[in-house]
C-alpha cells in the first residue's frame, strides 16, 4: 500500500459525472480566502512549503520543460524576459489572479513562485531562490518572478 502521493497519481482522475476540471473560482477561494486571509502572514510559510514540494514532484529535465508544464497545467503562460549568469526573470501572463480587484502593495502568487523554485531546483545544477516581484493584484501588467542562482 502506498504512503504518499506522486504527480502521476494526480493525473488519475475517475469522475463519472463531473468534469476533471474544477472552476478557477474554487482555486481562488481556497488560495485567497482560505489561505491568504485565514492563515498568519497571509499563509506565506504554508504556500512556500507546499509550492516547493509540488515543484519538486513535477516531471521535467530543464527550465524550458518546467515553463511548458506551467502552461499545460494552466497556471499561466510563462516567458523568460531577462537572463544573466546570476538571475533570470520569468513573466507569467494569464496568471490565476488576473482580473481580481487591485489591492495596493499586495502580491498573492507566492505559491506559483514556490512551485517554480522547487521545480527549477530539481532540474538546475545551481540552487535558486524565487521571489515574486510583480503581481496583477498589485496593479502590474503581469505577474513576474525573479529567480536568483545561489553561488
N, C-alpha and C. Protein backbone atom coordinates (compact mmCIF):
# COMPACT_ATOMS: atom_id res chain seq x y z
N UNK A 1 0.84 -1.17 0.00
CA UNK A 1 0.00 0.00 0.00
C UNK A 1 0.89 1.24 0.00
N UNK A 2 0.49 2.26 -0.77
CA UNK A 2 1.25 3.50 -0.87
C UNK A 2 1.13 4.32 0.40
N UNK A 3 2.17 5.11 0.67
CA UNK A 3 2.12 6.01 1.82
C UNK A 3 2.10 7.47 1.41
N UNK A 4 2.45 7.77 0.15
CA UNK A 4 2.45 9.16 -0.31
C UNK A 4 1.89 9.22 -1.73
N UNK A 5 1.51 10.43 -2.13
CA UNK A 5 1.03 10.67 -3.49
C UNK A 5 2.18 11.16 -4.36
N UNK A 6 2.06 10.93 -5.67
CA UNK A 6 3.01 11.45 -6.65
C UNK A 6 2.25 12.31 -7.66
N UNK A 7 2.99 13.03 -8.46
CA UNK A 7 2.36 13.82 -9.51
C UNK A 7 1.58 12.91 -10.45
N UNK A 8 2.11 11.76 -10.76
CA UNK A 8 1.42 10.80 -11.64
C UNK A 8 0.08 10.38 -11.04
N UNK A 9 0.03 10.22 -9.72
CA UNK A 9 -1.24 9.88 -9.06
C UNK A 9 -2.29 10.96 -9.31
N UNK A 10 -1.86 12.21 -9.34
CA UNK A 10 -2.79 13.33 -9.51
C UNK A 10 -3.47 13.30 -10.88
N UNK A 11 -2.84 12.67 -11.85
CA UNK A 11 -3.42 12.59 -13.20
C UNK A 11 -4.43 11.46 -13.34
N UNK A 12 -4.57 10.65 -12.31
CA UNK A 12 -5.52 9.54 -12.34
C UNK A 12 -6.87 10.03 -11.84
N UNK A 13 -7.69 10.49 -12.77
CA UNK A 13 -8.99 11.08 -12.43
C UNK A 13 -10.09 10.15 -12.91
N UNK A 14 -10.98 9.77 -12.01
CA UNK A 14 -12.07 8.88 -12.37
C UNK A 14 -13.39 9.45 -11.88
N UNK A 15 -13.83 10.48 -12.53
CA UNK A 15 -15.12 11.10 -12.19
C UNK A 15 -16.11 10.71 -13.27
N UNK A 16 -17.23 10.15 -12.86
CA UNK A 16 -18.21 9.68 -13.83
C UNK A 16 -19.14 10.78 -14.34
N UNK A 17 -19.46 11.73 -13.49
CA UNK A 17 -20.46 12.72 -13.88
C UNK A 17 -19.91 14.14 -14.00
N UNK A 18 -18.91 14.46 -13.24
CA UNK A 18 -18.38 15.82 -13.27
C UNK A 18 -17.08 15.88 -14.08
N UNK A 19 -16.78 17.04 -14.56
CA UNK A 19 -15.58 17.28 -15.35
C UNK A 19 -14.32 17.02 -14.51
N UNK A 20 -13.23 16.67 -15.16
CA UNK A 20 -11.98 16.54 -14.42
C UNK A 20 -11.40 17.91 -14.02
N UNK A 21 -12.00 18.98 -14.50
CA UNK A 21 -11.57 20.34 -14.19
C UNK A 21 -12.41 20.90 -13.05
N UNK A 22 -11.79 21.73 -12.21
CA UNK A 22 -12.54 22.47 -11.20
C UNK A 22 -12.49 23.94 -11.59
N UNK A 23 -13.49 24.70 -11.23
CA UNK A 23 -13.52 26.11 -11.62
C UNK A 23 -12.40 26.92 -10.98
N UNK A 24 -11.92 27.90 -11.71
CA UNK A 24 -10.89 28.79 -11.19
C UNK A 24 -11.38 29.50 -9.92
N UNK A 25 -12.69 29.76 -9.84
CA UNK A 25 -13.24 30.39 -8.66
C UNK A 25 -12.96 29.57 -7.40
N UNK A 26 -13.02 28.26 -7.50
CA UNK A 26 -12.76 27.41 -6.35
C UNK A 26 -11.29 27.51 -5.94
N UNK A 27 -10.39 27.44 -6.91
CA UNK A 27 -8.97 27.55 -6.61
C UNK A 27 -8.67 28.91 -5.97
N UNK A 28 -9.22 29.99 -6.54
CA UNK A 28 -9.02 31.33 -5.99
C UNK A 28 -9.55 31.40 -4.55
N UNK A 29 -10.70 30.80 -4.31
CA UNK A 29 -11.30 30.82 -2.98
C UNK A 29 -10.41 30.10 -1.97
N UNK A 30 -9.91 28.94 -2.34
CA UNK A 30 -9.02 28.19 -1.45
C UNK A 30 -7.77 29.01 -1.16
N UNK A 31 -7.15 29.54 -2.21
CA UNK A 31 -5.88 30.27 -2.07
C UNK A 31 -6.03 31.61 -1.36
N UNK A 32 -6.99 32.42 -1.79
CA UNK A 32 -7.01 33.80 -1.32
C UNK A 32 -7.91 34.04 -0.11
N UNK A 33 -8.97 33.28 0.02
CA UNK A 33 -9.81 33.43 1.21
C UNK A 33 -9.38 32.41 2.26
N UNK A 34 -9.29 31.15 1.86
CA UNK A 34 -8.95 30.09 2.79
C UNK A 34 -7.55 30.15 3.34
N UNK A 35 -6.57 30.50 2.49
CA UNK A 35 -5.18 30.51 2.96
C UNK A 35 -4.67 31.93 3.21
N UNK A 36 -4.76 32.78 2.20
CA UNK A 36 -4.17 34.12 2.30
C UNK A 36 -4.83 34.95 3.41
N UNK A 37 -6.14 34.87 3.54
CA UNK A 37 -6.83 35.66 4.55
C UNK A 37 -6.95 34.95 5.90
N UNK A 38 -6.90 33.63 5.90
CA UNK A 38 -7.17 32.90 7.15
C UNK A 38 -5.91 32.51 7.92
N UNK A 39 -4.77 32.41 7.23
CA UNK A 39 -3.56 31.97 7.91
C UNK A 39 -2.67 33.15 8.29
N UNK A 40 -1.86 33.00 9.34
CA UNK A 40 -0.94 34.07 9.71
C UNK A 40 0.00 34.43 8.56
N UNK A 41 0.37 35.68 8.48
CA UNK A 41 1.29 36.20 7.45
C UNK A 41 0.81 35.90 6.04
N UNK A 42 -0.50 35.88 5.84
CA UNK A 42 -1.05 35.62 4.52
C UNK A 42 -0.80 34.21 4.02
N UNK A 43 -0.47 33.32 4.93
CA UNK A 43 -0.23 31.93 4.55
C UNK A 43 1.09 31.68 3.85
N UNK A 44 2.00 32.67 3.84
CA UNK A 44 3.23 32.54 3.06
C UNK A 44 4.08 31.33 3.45
N UNK A 45 4.21 31.06 4.73
CA UNK A 45 5.00 29.89 5.14
C UNK A 45 4.41 28.60 4.59
N UNK A 46 3.10 28.52 4.62
CA UNK A 46 2.41 27.33 4.11
C UNK A 46 2.54 27.22 2.61
N UNK A 47 2.27 28.34 1.89
CA UNK A 47 2.32 28.27 0.43
C UNK A 47 3.73 28.02 -0.07
N UNK A 48 4.74 28.55 0.61
CA UNK A 48 6.12 28.29 0.19
C UNK A 48 6.47 26.82 0.35
N UNK A 49 6.11 26.24 1.48
CA UNK A 49 6.39 24.82 1.72
C UNK A 49 5.64 23.95 0.72
N UNK A 50 4.35 24.23 0.53
CA UNK A 50 3.53 23.45 -0.40
C UNK A 50 4.04 23.60 -1.83
N UNK A 51 4.29 24.84 -2.24
CA UNK A 51 4.73 25.10 -3.61
C UNK A 51 6.04 24.42 -3.94
N UNK A 52 7.00 24.50 -3.04
CA UNK A 52 8.30 23.85 -3.30
C UNK A 52 8.12 22.34 -3.46
N UNK A 53 7.30 21.76 -2.61
CA UNK A 53 7.06 20.30 -2.67
C UNK A 53 6.38 19.94 -4.00
N UNK A 54 5.40 20.73 -4.41
CA UNK A 54 4.74 20.48 -5.70
C UNK A 54 5.75 20.58 -6.84
N UNK A 55 6.56 21.65 -6.82
CA UNK A 55 7.57 21.85 -7.87
C UNK A 55 8.54 20.68 -7.97
N UNK A 56 8.98 20.18 -6.82
CA UNK A 56 9.90 19.05 -6.81
C UNK A 56 9.28 17.80 -7.41
N UNK A 57 7.97 17.68 -7.35
CA UNK A 57 7.28 16.48 -7.83
C UNK A 57 7.01 16.51 -9.34
N UNK A 58 7.14 17.68 -9.95
CA UNK A 58 6.78 17.81 -11.37
C UNK A 58 7.81 17.14 -12.26
N UNK A 59 7.36 16.55 -13.36
CA UNK A 59 8.31 15.97 -14.31
C UNK A 59 8.99 17.08 -15.11
N UNK A 60 10.15 16.79 -15.61
CA UNK A 60 10.86 17.75 -16.44
C UNK A 60 12.35 17.61 -16.26
N UNK A 61 13.07 17.97 -17.30
CA UNK A 61 14.52 17.85 -17.28
C UNK A 61 15.22 19.19 -17.41
N UNK A 62 14.45 20.26 -17.68
CA UNK A 62 15.06 21.56 -17.93
C UNK A 62 14.09 22.67 -17.51
N UNK A 63 14.62 23.87 -17.45
CA UNK A 63 13.77 25.02 -17.14
C UNK A 63 12.71 25.17 -18.23
N UNK A 64 13.08 24.93 -19.47
CA UNK A 64 12.11 25.02 -20.56
C UNK A 64 10.97 24.02 -20.37
N UNK A 65 11.29 22.81 -19.94
CA UNK A 65 10.25 21.81 -19.64
C UNK A 65 9.30 22.31 -18.55
N UNK A 66 9.87 22.92 -17.51
CA UNK A 66 9.07 23.42 -16.40
C UNK A 66 8.14 24.53 -16.88
N UNK A 67 8.65 25.44 -17.71
CA UNK A 67 7.81 26.53 -18.21
C UNK A 67 6.70 26.00 -19.11
N UNK A 68 6.99 25.00 -19.91
CA UNK A 68 5.97 24.39 -20.76
C UNK A 68 4.89 23.72 -19.90
N UNK A 69 5.29 23.05 -18.85
CA UNK A 69 4.35 22.39 -17.95
C UNK A 69 3.49 23.41 -17.20
N UNK A 70 4.10 24.53 -16.84
CA UNK A 70 3.35 25.62 -16.19
C UNK A 70 2.15 26.02 -17.04
N UNK A 71 2.38 26.12 -18.35
CA UNK A 71 1.28 26.49 -19.25
C UNK A 71 0.30 25.34 -19.43
N UNK A 72 0.80 24.12 -19.58
CA UNK A 72 -0.07 22.96 -19.75
C UNK A 72 -1.01 22.79 -18.55
N UNK A 73 -0.51 23.09 -17.36
CA UNK A 73 -1.32 22.97 -16.14
C UNK A 73 -2.21 24.20 -15.93
N UNK A 74 -2.13 25.13 -16.85
CA UNK A 74 -2.93 26.36 -16.83
C UNK A 74 -2.65 27.22 -15.60
N UNK A 75 -1.42 27.14 -15.11
CA UNK A 75 -1.00 28.04 -14.03
C UNK A 75 -0.84 29.44 -14.60
N UNK A 76 -0.36 29.51 -15.83
CA UNK A 76 -0.16 30.76 -16.53
C UNK A 76 0.72 30.51 -17.74
N UNK A 77 0.98 31.58 -18.47
CA UNK A 77 1.82 31.47 -19.67
C UNK A 77 3.14 32.17 -19.35
N UNK A 78 4.18 31.38 -19.03
CA UNK A 78 5.44 31.97 -18.62
C UNK A 78 6.38 32.24 -19.79
N UNK A 79 7.20 33.27 -19.63
CA UNK A 79 8.27 33.53 -20.59
C UNK A 79 9.42 34.18 -19.85
N UNK A 80 10.61 33.85 -20.28
CA UNK A 80 11.80 34.46 -19.69
C UNK A 80 11.97 35.83 -20.32
N UNK A 81 11.98 36.88 -19.50
CA UNK A 81 12.08 38.24 -20.00
C UNK A 81 13.45 38.86 -19.72
N UNK A 82 14.26 38.20 -18.91
CA UNK A 82 15.62 38.67 -18.63
C UNK A 82 16.42 37.49 -18.14
N UNK A 83 17.70 37.45 -18.53
CA UNK A 83 18.55 36.36 -18.07
C UNK A 83 20.00 36.79 -18.11
N UNK A 84 20.72 36.53 -17.01
CA UNK A 84 22.18 36.65 -17.00
C UNK A 84 22.71 35.52 -16.13
N UNK A 85 23.98 35.57 -15.75
CA UNK A 85 24.59 34.46 -15.00
C UNK A 85 24.03 34.31 -13.58
N UNK A 86 23.54 35.41 -13.01
CA UNK A 86 23.10 35.39 -11.62
C UNK A 86 21.60 35.25 -11.44
N UNK A 87 20.84 35.66 -12.45
CA UNK A 87 19.38 35.63 -12.26
C UNK A 87 18.67 35.56 -13.59
N UNK A 88 17.41 35.24 -13.49
CA UNK A 88 16.51 35.36 -14.63
C UNK A 88 15.19 35.84 -14.11
N UNK A 89 14.43 36.45 -15.00
CA UNK A 89 13.09 36.91 -14.65
C UNK A 89 12.10 36.21 -15.55
N UNK A 90 11.05 35.71 -14.92
CA UNK A 90 10.01 34.99 -15.64
C UNK A 90 8.70 35.75 -15.47
N UNK A 91 8.16 36.24 -16.58
CA UNK A 91 6.85 36.89 -16.58
C UNK A 91 5.80 35.82 -16.82
N UNK A 92 4.67 35.95 -16.14
CA UNK A 92 3.57 34.99 -16.30
C UNK A 92 2.32 35.76 -16.70
N UNK A 93 1.90 35.53 -17.93
CA UNK A 93 0.65 36.11 -18.44
C UNK A 93 -0.50 35.17 -18.09
N UNK A 94 -1.69 35.70 -17.99
CA UNK A 94 -2.90 34.92 -17.68
C UNK A 94 -2.76 34.13 -16.39
N UNK A 95 -2.13 34.72 -15.41
CA UNK A 95 -2.00 34.08 -14.10
C UNK A 95 -3.39 33.92 -13.48
N UNK A 96 -3.52 33.06 -12.49
CA UNK A 96 -4.82 32.81 -11.86
C UNK A 96 -5.42 34.06 -11.26
N UNK A 97 -4.59 35.05 -10.94
CA UNK A 97 -5.10 36.25 -10.26
C UNK A 97 -5.55 37.34 -11.23
N UNK A 98 -5.34 37.16 -12.52
CA UNK A 98 -5.71 38.20 -13.48
C UNK A 98 -7.22 38.44 -13.43
N UNK A 99 -7.59 39.71 -13.33
CA UNK A 99 -9.00 40.07 -13.27
C UNK A 99 -9.51 40.33 -11.87
N UNK A 100 -8.73 39.95 -10.86
CA UNK A 100 -9.14 40.24 -9.49
C UNK A 100 -8.97 41.74 -9.22
N UNK A 101 -9.67 42.26 -8.23
CA UNK A 101 -9.50 43.67 -7.89
C UNK A 101 -8.06 43.99 -7.49
N UNK A 102 -7.62 45.20 -7.81
CA UNK A 102 -6.28 45.65 -7.43
C UNK A 102 -6.29 45.99 -5.94
N UNK A 103 -5.32 45.46 -5.22
CA UNK A 103 -5.09 45.76 -3.81
C UNK A 103 -3.67 46.29 -3.71
N UNK A 104 -3.53 47.55 -3.38
CA UNK A 104 -2.21 48.18 -3.36
C UNK A 104 -1.21 47.41 -2.51
N UNK A 105 -0.04 47.24 -3.09
CA UNK A 105 1.10 46.60 -2.44
C UNK A 105 0.82 45.16 -2.00
N UNK A 106 -0.03 44.45 -2.75
CA UNK A 106 -0.30 43.05 -2.46
C UNK A 106 0.27 42.18 -3.56
N UNK A 107 0.99 41.15 -3.17
CA UNK A 107 1.49 40.12 -4.06
C UNK A 107 0.88 38.82 -3.54
N UNK A 108 0.12 38.12 -4.38
CA UNK A 108 -0.61 36.94 -3.90
C UNK A 108 -0.20 35.64 -4.58
N UNK A 109 0.77 35.69 -5.47
CA UNK A 109 1.12 34.50 -6.25
C UNK A 109 2.40 33.83 -5.74
N UNK A 110 2.57 33.80 -4.43
CA UNK A 110 3.74 33.17 -3.84
C UNK A 110 3.75 31.66 -4.02
N UNK A 111 2.58 31.04 -4.07
CA UNK A 111 2.52 29.59 -4.30
C UNK A 111 3.12 29.25 -5.66
N UNK A 112 2.75 30.01 -6.67
CA UNK A 112 3.23 29.75 -8.03
C UNK A 112 4.75 29.97 -8.11
N UNK A 113 5.24 30.99 -7.42
CA UNK A 113 6.68 31.22 -7.36
C UNK A 113 7.41 30.08 -6.67
N UNK A 114 6.82 29.57 -5.61
CA UNK A 114 7.43 28.45 -4.88
C UNK A 114 7.41 27.17 -5.73
N UNK A 115 6.37 26.99 -6.54
CA UNK A 115 6.34 25.84 -7.46
C UNK A 115 7.51 25.97 -8.44
N UNK A 116 7.71 27.16 -8.98
CA UNK A 116 8.85 27.39 -9.87
C UNK A 116 10.16 27.08 -9.15
N UNK A 117 10.30 27.56 -7.93
CA UNK A 117 11.53 27.34 -7.17
C UNK A 117 11.81 25.85 -6.98
N UNK A 118 10.82 25.11 -6.54
CA UNK A 118 11.01 23.67 -6.32
C UNK A 118 11.35 22.94 -7.61
N UNK A 119 10.67 23.30 -8.69
CA UNK A 119 10.90 22.63 -9.97
C UNK A 119 12.26 22.98 -10.55
N UNK A 120 12.63 24.26 -10.49
CA UNK A 120 13.93 24.68 -11.04
C UNK A 120 15.06 24.10 -10.21
N UNK A 121 14.91 24.06 -8.90
CA UNK A 121 15.95 23.45 -8.06
C UNK A 121 16.16 21.99 -8.42
N UNK A 122 15.12 21.33 -8.84
CA UNK A 122 15.23 19.92 -9.21
C UNK A 122 16.02 19.73 -10.51
N UNK A 123 15.88 20.66 -11.45
CA UNK A 123 16.50 20.47 -12.78
C UNK A 123 17.78 21.27 -12.97
N UNK A 124 18.08 22.18 -12.07
CA UNK A 124 19.23 23.06 -12.24
C UNK A 124 20.46 22.53 -11.49
N UNK A 125 21.63 22.81 -12.02
CA UNK A 125 22.87 22.44 -11.34
C UNK A 125 23.11 23.34 -10.13
N UNK A 126 22.59 24.57 -10.19
CA UNK A 126 22.73 25.53 -9.10
C UNK A 126 21.38 25.72 -8.41
N UNK A 127 21.39 25.83 -7.11
CA UNK A 127 20.16 26.08 -6.36
C UNK A 127 19.69 27.50 -6.62
N UNK A 128 18.37 27.70 -6.52
CA UNK A 128 17.78 29.01 -6.77
C UNK A 128 16.88 29.42 -5.63
N UNK A 129 16.63 30.72 -5.57
CA UNK A 129 15.60 31.31 -4.73
C UNK A 129 14.71 32.12 -5.66
N UNK A 130 13.40 32.00 -5.49
CA UNK A 130 12.46 32.69 -6.37
C UNK A 130 11.64 33.67 -5.53
N UNK A 131 11.47 34.87 -6.06
CA UNK A 131 10.71 35.91 -5.37
C UNK A 131 9.77 36.58 -6.36
N UNK A 132 8.51 36.74 -5.96
CA UNK A 132 7.55 37.44 -6.80
C UNK A 132 7.85 38.94 -6.74
N UNK A 133 8.01 39.56 -7.92
CA UNK A 133 8.33 40.99 -7.95
C UNK A 133 7.23 41.83 -8.61
N UNK A 134 6.31 41.18 -9.31
CA UNK A 134 5.15 41.86 -9.89
C UNK A 134 3.95 40.95 -9.75
N UNK A 135 2.76 41.58 -9.62
CA UNK A 135 1.53 40.79 -9.49
C UNK A 135 0.37 41.60 -10.07
N UNK A 136 -0.51 40.94 -10.79
CA UNK A 136 -1.71 41.59 -11.30
C UNK A 136 -2.50 42.26 -10.18
N UNK A 137 -2.58 41.61 -9.03
CA UNK A 137 -3.34 42.14 -7.91
C UNK A 137 -2.74 43.46 -7.40
N UNK A 138 -1.45 43.63 -7.60
CA UNK A 138 -0.77 44.88 -7.22
C UNK A 138 -0.97 45.97 -8.27
N UNK A 139 -1.63 45.63 -9.38
CA UNK A 139 -1.84 46.60 -10.45
C UNK A 139 -0.82 46.48 -11.56
N UNK A 140 0.07 45.50 -11.47
CA UNK A 140 1.08 45.29 -12.51
C UNK A 140 0.46 44.64 -13.74
N UNK A 141 1.13 44.78 -14.87
CA UNK A 141 0.61 44.27 -16.15
C UNK A 141 0.64 42.75 -16.24
N UNK A 142 1.44 42.10 -15.42
CA UNK A 142 1.50 40.64 -15.36
C UNK A 142 2.17 40.26 -14.04
N UNK A 143 2.20 38.99 -13.74
CA UNK A 143 2.95 38.52 -12.59
C UNK A 143 4.37 38.24 -13.07
N UNK A 144 5.33 38.45 -12.19
CA UNK A 144 6.73 38.24 -12.59
C UNK A 144 7.53 37.75 -11.39
N UNK A 145 8.46 36.85 -11.68
CA UNK A 145 9.29 36.26 -10.65
C UNK A 145 10.77 36.47 -10.97
N UNK A 146 11.52 36.80 -9.94
CA UNK A 146 12.98 36.88 -10.07
C UNK A 146 13.56 35.60 -9.53
N UNK A 147 14.33 34.92 -10.36
CA UNK A 147 14.97 33.67 -9.99
C UNK A 147 16.45 33.97 -9.80
N UNK A 148 16.95 33.86 -8.58
CA UNK A 148 18.37 34.13 -8.29
C UNK A 148 19.10 32.82 -8.09
N UNK A 149 20.17 32.64 -8.82
CA UNK A 149 21.00 31.46 -8.69
C UNK A 149 21.97 31.66 -7.54
N UNK A 150 22.03 30.72 -6.62
CA UNK A 150 22.96 30.80 -5.49
C UNK A 150 24.35 30.43 -5.98
N UNK A 151 25.34 31.01 -5.34
CA UNK A 151 26.75 30.72 -5.72
C UNK A 151 27.23 29.46 -5.10
